[in-house]
Amino acid sequence: MSIKDEMNVQTKSQAIQIRNLQINPPLLLAPMAGLTHSALRRIMIDFGGVGLLSTEMLSVKKLPSENPRISPYLIRAEKESPLSYQLLTSNHNEIGRAIDALHTFKADAVDLNMGCPSTAVGKFGAGVKLMERFDETRRIVAEARKCTALPLSAKIRLGSDLDSSKLKTFCSMLEDEGIDMLSVHARFKHESFARKPRWEYIAEIKECIKIPVIANGGIYSAEDAEKCLRVSGADGLMLGQGAIIKPWLFSEIARTVYDLDIPKSTVSLPDVYDAFIEALITDYRPIYHLGRLKAFTHYFSRNYKFGHALASRIQSSGSMDEARELAGTFFANNPSTAV
């Protein structure tokens, strides 16, 4: 049997079940600041293939006072389901009120951020710093588990350096304290997104825990997805930057790797961009429009050979009207479609 045939056998019907939540296909959206908000999530849903959506990371301190109808972090359309809410915290005493808020928001799942490498986040002992704060992380997970019956997941990196024993001990602790699913960004704390991910280390984590393990990092195509699954042995995949560049990437992987009946279609890049702008304008206050368009364009522009020109034009825009005009001119001069 060829590797391709073997992959097809392994991936055709591997839905993930955690508590009352089924993730099918096992393709998850990674939480990304300024990017994984409602406007972009709706674009991805329309293409199909997303098993579990995610919010941006949410501060547990601010969350209880946020208004979900107007907060740029919490706006949610009815079709955005299932949706996981990711919490950023460094203190177990803060988690209860935040989870109470998520219950009122009708969250489908709760995720704990233990992988953000940001220096600003690390100063407060949050994000990937939690992997170095074993006892407090244990308390955070235990408290979160006590506060909710919702599916509870965590997202981590590989740690600060190569220490397989330490990493396995940490992951086993998360499972013991009640984590239902673990997502692993396959890079060390200090490694940038330019560094090739270390999918093979996820295979080691799979050996020591029984809960589903999700691989994240370096997945930009269906070919990447197949290779990652083969190398890591993961139960599913979490897409980050690749899905921002190509919001239809979920549908490609769901169709070709997981054999879902999703029609193959030609994608019009200008139409996707316009749909994103309309989604922003429809649901967000004007103050948030331009910043989120610039963040999206930084990635989406990579679909074009000379996409840096589009990105730089939008970055220099002072208004949405100017940005739309500049984008329209770029698209007119750079006709292209993505398949």
Protein backbone atom coordinates (compact mmCIF):
# COMPACT_ATOMS: atom_id res chain seq x y z
CA MET A 1 0.00 0.00 0.00
CA SER A 2 1.38 3.42 -0.94
CA ILE A 3 1.81 6.22 1.62
CA LYS A 4 -0.98 8.12 -0.13
CA ASP A 5 -3.33 5.11 0.09
CA GLU A 6 -2.36 4.54 3.71
CA MET A 7 -3.12 8.18 4.53
CA ASN A 8 -6.54 7.89 2.88
CA VAL A 9 -7.39 4.84 4.98
CA GLN A 10 -6.33 6.63 8.14
CA THR A 11 -8.13 9.92 7.56
CA LYS A 12 -11.44 9.29 5.81
CA SER A 13 -13.67 9.27 8.89
CA GLN A 14 -11.70 10.33 11.93
CA ALA A 15 -14.02 12.70 13.75
CA ILE A 16 -12.85 13.71 17.22
CA GLN A 17 -15.33 13.38 20.11
CA ILE A 18 -14.58 15.31 23.29
CA ARG A 19 -17.39 15.25 25.81
CA ASN A 20 -20.53 16.46 23.99
CA LEU A 21 -18.63 17.99 21.08
CA GLN A 22 -17.86 16.25 17.80
CA ILE A 23 -15.14 17.83 15.65
CA ASN A 24 -15.67 16.66 12.09
CA PRO A 25 -13.50 16.94 10.14
CA PRO A 26 -10.68 17.17 12.70
CA LEU A 27 -9.56 20.54 11.34
CA LEU A 28 -9.34 23.39 13.83
CA LEU A 29 -8.78 27.11 13.45
CA ALA A 30 -5.86 28.45 15.49
CA PRO A 31 -6.53 31.44 17.74
CA MET A 32 -4.63 34.44 16.36
CA ALA A 33 -4.72 37.99 17.74
CA GLY A 34 -6.39 40.48 15.42
CA LEU A 35 -7.23 37.78 12.88
CA THR A 36 -9.56 35.00 14.04
CA HIS A 37 -12.57 37.26 14.59
CA SER A 38 -16.10 36.86 13.33
CA ALA A 39 -15.58 38.50 9.92
CA LEU A 40 -12.86 36.04 8.88
CA ARG A 41 -14.51 33.06 10.55
CA ARG A 42 -17.62 33.61 8.44
CA ILE A 43 -15.56 33.64 5.24
CA MET A 44 -14.01 30.31 6.21
CA ILE A 45 -17.37 28.78 7.08
CA ASP A 46 -18.75 29.67 3.66
CA PHE A 47 -15.97 27.66 2.00
CA GLY A 48 -16.58 24.72 4.34
CA GLY A 49 -14.38 22.13 6.01
CA VAL A 50 -13.87 23.77 9.41
CA GLY A 51 -14.38 21.34 12.30
CA LEU A 52 -13.85 23.80 15.15
CA LEU A 53 -13.58 27.59 15.04
CA SER A 54 -11.74 29.74 17.56
CA THR A 55 -11.81 33.24 18.94
CA GLU A 56 -8.74 35.36 19.41
CA MET A 57 -7.07 34.95 22.79
CA LEU A 58 -9.24 36.62 25.42
CA SER A 59 -7.97 38.27 28.60
CA VAL A 60 -9.62 36.66 31.63
CA LYS A 61 -9.43 40.00 33.46
CA LYS A 62 -11.38 41.92 30.81
CA LEU A 63 -13.73 39.19 29.65
CA PRO A 64 -16.39 39.36 32.39
CA SER A 65 -17.09 43.04 31.62
CA GLU A 66 -17.15 42.70 27.81
CA ASN A 67 -20.40 43.16 25.86
CA PRO A 68 -20.63 40.32 23.32
CA ARG A 69 -22.86 42.38 21.03
CA ILE A 70 -20.23 45.07 20.40
CA SER A 71 -16.89 43.67 21.56
CA PRO A 72 -14.60 43.10 18.53
CA TYR A 73 -13.36 39.96 20.29
CA LEU A 74 -16.77 38.45 21.03
CA ILE A 75 -19.07 39.31 18.10
CA ARG A 76 -20.41 36.03 16.78
CA ALA A 77 -22.86 35.12 14.04
CA GLU A 78 -25.30 32.28 14.56
CA LYS A 79 -23.60 30.09 11.95
CA GLU A 80 -20.23 30.29 13.75
CA SER A 81 -20.51 26.92 15.41
CA PRO A 82 -18.89 25.09 17.03
CA LEU A 83 -16.75 27.89 18.48
CA SER A 84 -13.99 27.55 21.06
CA TYR A 85 -13.08 30.54 23.25
CA GLN A 86 -9.41 30.83 24.16
CA LEU A 87 -8.50 32.26 27.56
CA LEU A 88 -5.24 34.01 28.42
CA THR A 89 -4.39 33.91 32.12
CA SER A 90 -1.50 33.55 34.53
CA ASN A 91 -3.47 33.08 37.75
CA HIS A 92 -5.90 30.35 38.75
CA ASN A 93 -7.90 32.82 40.85
CA GLU A 94 -8.99 34.65 37.69
CA ILE A 95 -10.37 31.73 35.74
CA GLY A 96 -13.74 31.20 37.39
CA ARG A 97 -15.39 34.51 36.50
CA ALA A 98 -14.11 34.27 32.93
CA ILE A 99 -15.59 30.81 32.45
CA ASP A 100 -18.88 31.99 33.94
CA ALA A 101 -18.92 34.65 31.22
CA LEU A 102 -18.24 32.04 28.54
CA HIS A 103 -21.26 30.08 29.74
CA THR A 104 -23.45 33.15 29.18
CA PHE A 105 -21.89 33.57 25.71
CA LYS A 106 -22.85 29.94 24.95
CA ALA A 107 -19.30 28.83 24.20
CA ASP A 108 -18.99 25.38 22.66
CA ALA A 109 -15.52 24.76 24.14
CA VAL A 110 -12.86 26.45 26.27
CA ASP A 111 -9.16 26.60 25.39
CA LEU A 112 -6.29 27.66 27.65
CA ASN A 113 -3.42 29.59 26.06
CA MET A 114 -0.08 28.07 27.06
CA GLY A 115 1.78 28.75 23.84
CA CYS A 116 1.87 32.48 23.07
CA PRO A 117 5.58 33.44 22.86
CA SER A 118 4.96 37.21 23.06
CA THR A 119 7.35 39.01 25.41
CA ALA A 120 4.53 41.22 26.65
CA VAL A 121 2.42 38.19 27.53
CA GLY A 122 5.39 36.43 29.11
CA LYS A 123 6.02 39.34 31.49
CA PHE A 124 2.79 38.44 33.25
CA GLY A 125 3.66 34.76 33.43
CA ALA A 126 1.07 33.85 30.80
CA GLY A 127 1.25 32.13 27.41
CA VAL A 128 4.22 29.83 26.92
CA LYS A 129 5.57 30.95 30.32
CA LEU A 130 2.97 28.68 31.89
CA MET A 131 4.99 25.71 30.66
CA GLU A 132 7.71 26.86 33.08
CA ARG A 133 5.22 27.39 35.95
CA PHE A 134 4.21 23.79 36.50
CA ASP A 135 2.41 24.15 39.83
CA GLU A 136 0.42 27.25 38.90
CA THR A 137 -0.53 25.73 35.55
CA ARG A 138 -1.79 22.66 37.39
CA ARG A 139 -3.96 24.91 39.56
CA ILE A 140 -5.27 26.81 36.54
CA VAL A 141 -6.33 23.64 34.76
CA ALA A 142 -7.86 22.14 37.90
CA GLU A 143 -9.86 25.31 38.54
CA ALA A 144 -11.02 25.53 34.95
CA ARG A 145 -12.09 21.89 35.03
CA LYS A 146 -14.01 22.48 38.25
CA CYS A 147 -15.81 25.48 36.74
CA THR A 148 -17.10 23.95 33.52
CA ALA A 149 -18.41 20.77 31.96
CA LEU A 150 -17.60 22.12 28.50
CA PRO A 151 -14.82 20.52 26.48
CA LEU A 152 -11.55 21.91 27.85
CA SER A 153 -8.42 22.09 25.71
CA ALA A 154 -4.97 23.66 25.92
CA LYS A 155 -2.60 24.97 23.29
CA ILE A 156 1.12 24.67 23.95
CA ARG A 157 4.50 24.91 22.23
CA LEU A 158 7.33 22.41 22.61
CA GLY A 159 8.77 24.37 25.51
CA SER A 160 11.91 26.47 25.86
CA ASP A 161 14.38 23.84 24.63
CA LEU A 162 14.70 20.18 23.77
CA ASP A 163 13.72 18.25 26.90
CA SER A 164 11.43 15.37 25.95
CA SER A 165 11.03 14.14 29.51
CA LYS A 166 9.96 17.55 30.78
CA LEU A 167 7.55 18.03 27.87
CA LYS A 168 5.93 14.63 28.37
CA THR A 169 5.57 15.22 32.11
CA PHE A 170 3.87 18.55 31.43
CA CYS A 171 1.45 17.05 28.91
CA SER A 172 0.62 14.14 31.22
CA MET A 173 -0.15 16.62 34.00
CA LEU A 174 -2.56 18.48 31.72
CA GLU A 175 -4.36 15.23 30.93
CA ASP A 176 -4.48 14.21 34.60
CA GLU A 177 -6.01 17.54 35.62
CA GLY A 178 -8.83 17.29 33.08
CA ILE A 179 -7.71 18.64 29.72
CA ASP A 180 -9.78 16.89 27.03
CA MET A 181 -7.66 17.76 23.98
CA LEU A 182 -4.18 19.16 23.43
CA SER A 183 -3.01 21.33 20.52
CA VAL A 184 0.73 21.52 19.97
CA HIS A 185 2.49 24.24 17.99
CA ALA A 186 5.54 22.29 16.87
CA ARG A 187 8.18 24.92 17.57
CA PHE A 188 10.16 25.90 20.64
CA LYS A 189 9.43 29.08 22.57
CA HIS A 190 12.13 31.15 20.84
CA GLU A 191 11.54 29.89 17.28
CA SER A 192 9.86 32.12 14.73
CA PHE A 193 7.25 31.09 12.19
CA ALA A 194 10.03 31.06 9.58
CA ARG A 195 11.54 28.03 11.32
CA LYS A 196 10.45 24.66 9.95
CA PRO A 197 8.09 23.04 12.49
CA ARG A 198 9.23 19.97 14.39
CA TRP A 199 6.24 17.70 13.80
CA GLU A 200 8.19 14.62 14.91
CA TYR A 201 8.09 15.80 18.53
CA ILE A 202 4.30 15.66 18.48
CA ALA A 203 4.62 11.93 17.88
CA GLU A 204 6.46 11.65 21.20
CA ILE A 205 3.64 13.47 22.98
CA LYS A 206 1.12 11.10 21.40
CA GLU A 207 2.96 8.19 23.01
CA CYS A 208 2.45 9.44 26.56
CA ILE A 209 -1.17 10.65 26.66
CA LYS A 210 -4.52 9.23 25.59
CA ILE A 211 -6.46 12.42 24.83
CA PRO A 212 -6.61 13.70 21.22
CA VAL A 213 -3.50 15.60 20.12
CA ILE A 214 -3.76 18.26 17.43
CA ALA A 215 -0.75 19.32 15.32
CA ASN A 216 -0.21 23.01 14.55
CA GLY A 217 2.46 24.82 12.57
CA GLY A 218 3.65 24.94 8.97
CA ILE A 219 0.47 23.74 7.24
CA TYR A 220 -0.08 25.74 4.06
CA SER A 221 -1.44 23.09 1.69
CA ALA A 222 -3.11 19.70 1.51
CA GLU A 223 0.35 18.21 0.89
CA ASP A 224 1.61 19.80 4.12
CA ALA A 225 -1.42 18.40 5.93
CA GLU A 226 -0.77 14.86 4.75
CA LYS A 227 2.91 15.04 5.65
CA CYS A 228 2.19 16.51 9.08
CA LEU A 229 -0.30 13.76 9.88
CA ARG A 230 2.13 11.10 8.70
CA VAL A 231 5.09 12.45 10.69
CA SER A 232 3.26 13.51 13.85
CA GLY A 233 0.60 10.81 14.11
CA ALA A 234 -1.72 13.58 15.33
CA ASP A 235 -5.46 13.10 15.64
CA GLY A 236 -6.16 16.31 13.75
CA LEU A 237 -4.72 19.56 12.47
CA MET A 238 -4.91 23.19 13.56
CA LEU A 239 -4.49 25.74 10.78
CA GLY A 240 -3.05 29.18 11.45
CA GLN A 241 -1.36 31.47 8.97
CA GLY A 242 -2.07 29.14 6.06
CA ALA A 243 -5.80 29.60 6.57
CA ILE A 244 -5.46 33.39 6.77
CA ILE A 245 -3.62 33.44 3.44
CA LYS A 246 -6.16 31.00 1.98
CA PRO A 247 -9.48 31.00 3.88
CA TRP A 248 -10.50 28.10 1.60
CA LEU A 249 -7.61 25.91 2.84
CA PHE A 250 -9.91 24.06 5.25
CA SER A 251 -12.12 23.00 2.37
CA GLU A 252 -9.12 21.81 0.31
CA ILE A 253 -7.78 19.66 3.15
CA ALA A 254 -11.22 18.37 4.14
CA ARG A 255 -11.87 17.31 0.55
CA THR A 256 -8.50 15.83 -0.38
CA VAL A 257 -7.22 14.48 2.94
CA TYR A 258 -10.44 13.62 4.79
CA ASP A 259 -12.50 12.72 1.72
CA LEU A 260 -15.40 15.05 2.56
CA ASP A 261 -17.91 15.81 -0.17
CA ILE A 262 -17.02 19.49 -0.63
CA PRO A 263 -17.23 20.71 -4.23
CA LYS A 264 -14.01 22.01 -5.74
CA SER A 265 -14.45 25.57 -6.94
CA THR A 266 -12.42 28.36 -8.47
CA VAL A 267 -11.71 31.10 -5.95
CA SER A 268 -11.84 34.75 -6.96
CA LEU A 269 -9.32 36.59 -4.82
CA PRO A 270 -10.95 40.03 -5.26
CA ASP A 271 -14.33 38.56 -4.31
CA VAL A 272 -12.91 37.01 -1.13
CA TYR A 273 -11.31 40.33 -0.22
CA ASP A 274 -14.53 42.25 -0.85
CA ALA A 275 -16.52 39.74 1.20
CA PHE A 276 -14.12 40.23 4.09
CA ILE A 277 -14.49 44.01 3.92
CA GLU A 278 -18.29 43.74 3.83
CA ALA A 279 -18.23 41.43 6.86
CA LEU A 280 -16.10 43.97 8.76
CA ILE A 281 -18.37 46.88 7.86
CA THR A 282 -21.54 44.96 8.68
CA ASP A 283 -20.70 43.99 12.26
CA TYR A 284 -17.86 46.12 13.55
CA ARG A 285 -17.66 49.70 14.68
CA PRO A 286 -15.65 51.88 12.24
CA ILE A 287 -12.74 52.20 14.67
CA TYR A 288 -11.93 48.53 14.11
CA HIS A 289 -12.30 48.35 10.31
CA LEU A 290 -8.95 49.54 9.01
CA GLY A 291 -6.73 47.81 11.57
CA ARG A 292 -8.33 44.45 10.94
CA LEU A 293 -8.20 44.92 7.19
CA LYS A 294 -4.49 45.68 7.40
CA ALA A 295 -3.85 42.59 9.55
CA PHE A 296 -5.72 40.36 7.09
CA THR A 297 -4.09 41.90 4.01
CA HIS A 298 -0.61 41.24 5.42
CA TYR A 299 -1.31 37.52 4.89
CA PHE A 300 -3.86 37.44 2.08
CA SER A 301 -1.58 39.45 -0.22
CA ARG A 302 0.77 36.44 -0.39
CA ASN A 303 -1.59 34.88 -2.92
CA TYR A 304 -0.12 37.27 -5.49
CA LYS A 305 3.35 37.20 -6.96
CA PHE A 306 3.68 40.93 -6.25
CA GLY A 307 1.45 40.88 -3.19
CA HIS A 308 3.87 43.01 -1.20
CA ALA A 309 2.64 45.95 -3.28
CA LEU A 310 -0.94 45.34 -2.13
CA ALA A 311 0.12 44.92 1.49
CA SER A 312 2.18 48.13 1.50
CA ARG A 313 -0.61 50.13 -0.11
CA ILE A 314 -3.16 49.00 2.45
CA GLN A 315 -0.73 49.55 5.31
CA SER A 316 -0.30 53.18 4.22
CA SER A 317 -4.03 53.79 3.85
CA GLY A 318 -5.61 56.34 6.15
CA SER A 319 -9.22 55.27 5.65
CA MET A 320 -11.33 52.35 4.50
CA ASP A 321 -12.40 54.25 1.39
CA GLU A 322 -8.76 54.80 0.44
CA ALA A 323 -7.91 51.17 1.16
CA ARG A 324 -10.77 49.90 -1.01
CA GLU A 325 -9.76 52.16 -3.88
CA LEU A 326 -6.12 51.10 -3.70
CA ALA A 327 -7.08 47.42 -3.48
CA GLY A 328 -9.41 47.79 -6.46
CA THR A 329 -6.64 49.30 -8.55
CA PHE A 330 -4.24 46.51 -7.55
CA PHE A 331 -6.74 43.78 -8.43
CA ALA A 332 -7.50 45.39 -11.78
CA ASN A 333 -3.80 45.40 -12.64
CA ASN A 334 -3.08 41.94 -11.24
CA PRO A 335 -5.82 39.60 -12.45
CA SER A 336 -5.52 36.28 -10.69
CA THR A 337 -7.54 33.42 -9.30
CA ALA A 338 -6.65 30.77 -6.80
CA VAL A 339 -7.81 27.18 -7.31
